[in-house]
């Protein structure tokens, strides 16, 4: 995992008010303790469900164009991601980037 993705995941967890986020170096991933499901990997960059929860909780609006996806939380936090081969991955990335911006504000 590259440093930028790691940073985005950490900040997005802060925006979601996730406590106890733990970096597992051997697995190159974050885990947290979910009160309902138990220990869970934090991967909104790959998981549609976690990405949707970010979008709903942080009130992130998205616009899907032919070549890019725009995601915004009000006027302050916005991201534009180019659509490559996987539009769903671009959508998750745009939501993750906005969530990380919210997490930065909360830091």
Protein backbone atom coordinates (compact mmCIF):
# COMPACT_ATOMS: atom_id res chain seq x y z
CA UNK A 1 0.00 0.00 0.00
CA UNK A 2 1.36 3.39 -0.91
CA UNK A 3 1.72 6.16 1.66
CA UNK A 4 -1.00 8.33 0.08
CA UNK A 5 -3.63 5.59 0.27
CA UNK A 6 -2.63 4.83 3.85
CA UNK A 7 -3.06 8.53 4.73
CA UNK A 8 -6.48 8.67 3.02
CA UNK A 9 -7.65 5.59 4.93
CA UNK A 10 -6.47 6.97 8.28
CA UNK A 11 -8.14 10.34 7.74
CA UNK A 12 -11.37 8.84 6.43
CA UNK A 13 -11.58 6.66 9.56
CA UNK A 14 -11.15 9.82 11.65
CA UNK A 15 -14.03 11.41 9.73
CA UNK A 16 -16.18 8.35 10.50
CA UNK A 17 -15.18 8.58 14.18
CA UNK A 18 -13.75 5.07 14.11
CA UNK A 19 -11.84 4.37 17.31
CA UNK A 20 -9.06 1.82 17.64
CA UNK A 21 -7.89 1.78 14.03
CA UNK A 22 -4.86 -0.53 13.92
CA UNK A 23 -2.28 -0.82 11.14
CA UNK A 24 -1.26 -4.42 10.45
CA UNK A 25 2.09 -4.18 8.71
CA UNK A 26 2.22 -7.81 7.59
CA UNK A 27 -1.17 -7.52 5.91
CA UNK A 28 -0.65 -3.93 4.77
CA UNK A 29 -4.12 -2.99 6.00
CA UNK A 30 -6.10 -1.31 8.77
CA UNK A 31 -8.48 -3.06 11.15
CA UNK A 32 -10.98 -1.72 13.64
CA UNK A 33 -13.44 -3.22 16.11
CA UNK A 34 -16.99 -2.81 14.87
CA UNK A 35 -19.53 -3.11 17.72
CA UNK A 36 -21.95 -5.02 15.49
CA UNK A 37 -19.71 -7.24 13.35
CA UNK A 38 -16.51 -7.54 15.39
CA UNK A 39 -13.03 -7.00 13.96
CA UNK A 40 -13.25 -5.68 10.43
CA UNK A 41 -10.81 -4.46 7.80
CA UNK A 42 -11.13 -0.75 6.95
CA UNK A 43 -11.06 -0.62 3.15
CA UNK A 44 -13.53 1.88 1.72
CA UNK A 45 -11.25 2.10 -1.32
CA UNK A 46 -12.27 -1.49 -2.21
CA UNK A 47 -15.54 -2.07 -0.36
CA UNK A 48 -18.72 -0.58 -1.83
CA UNK A 49 -20.55 -0.90 1.50
CA UNK A 50 -17.95 1.03 3.49
CA UNK A 51 -17.70 3.64 0.77
CA UNK A 52 -21.48 4.08 0.82
CA UNK A 53 -21.44 4.47 4.62
CA UNK A 54 -18.82 7.23 4.24
CA UNK A 55 -20.97 8.89 1.62
CA UNK A 56 -24.13 8.79 3.73
CA UNK A 57 -22.61 9.79 7.08
CA UNK A 58 -20.56 12.65 5.63
CA UNK A 59 -23.28 13.76 3.19
CA UNK A 60 -21.05 13.42 0.15
CA UNK A 61 -22.77 14.15 -3.14
CA UNK A 62 -21.43 12.66 -6.36
CA UNK A 63 -21.77 13.47 -10.04
CA UNK A 64 -20.86 10.85 -12.61
CA UNK A 65 -19.70 12.25 -15.95
CA UNK A 66 -18.33 10.53 -19.04
CA UNK A 67 -14.68 10.98 -18.05
CA UNK A 68 -14.65 11.86 -14.37
CA UNK A 69 -16.47 11.61 -11.09
CA UNK A 70 -16.91 14.61 -8.83
CA UNK A 71 -17.59 14.23 -5.13
CA UNK A 72 -18.34 17.10 -2.75
CA UNK A 73 -19.31 17.64 0.86
CA UNK A 74 -20.82 21.10 0.82
CA UNK A 75 -18.49 23.75 -0.56
CA UNK A 76 -15.33 22.92 1.34
CA UNK A 77 -14.32 19.36 0.54
CA UNK A 78 -14.30 18.24 -3.10
CA UNK A 79 -12.50 15.70 -5.26
CA UNK A 80 -12.44 14.91 -8.97
CA UNK A 81 -11.29 11.47 -10.09
CA UNK A 82 -10.81 10.40 -13.70
CA UNK A 83 -12.67 7.27 -14.70
CA UNK A 84 -10.35 4.58 -15.96
CA UNK A 85 -11.32 0.97 -16.54
CA UNK A 86 -13.39 0.75 -13.35
CA UNK A 87 -16.02 3.45 -12.73
CA UNK A 88 -16.94 1.93 -9.35
CA UNK A 89 -13.32 2.17 -8.18
CA UNK A 90 -13.21 5.81 -9.32
CA UNK A 91 -16.40 6.51 -7.35
CA UNK A 92 -14.96 4.89 -4.20
CA UNK A 93 -11.74 6.88 -4.60
CA UNK A 94 -13.58 10.19 -5.00
CA UNK A 95 -15.65 9.50 -1.87
CA UNK A 96 -12.50 8.43 0.02
CA UNK A 97 -10.67 11.62 -0.93
CA UNK A 98 -13.52 13.83 0.28
CA UNK A 99 -13.83 11.82 3.50
CA UNK A 100 -10.10 12.28 4.10
CA UNK A 101 -10.49 16.03 3.64
CA UNK A 102 -13.21 15.99 6.29
CA UNK A 103 -10.90 13.94 8.55
CA UNK A 104 -8.14 16.53 8.07
CA UNK A 105 -10.50 19.29 9.23
CA UNK A 106 -11.33 17.23 12.33
CA UNK A 107 -7.67 16.49 13.13
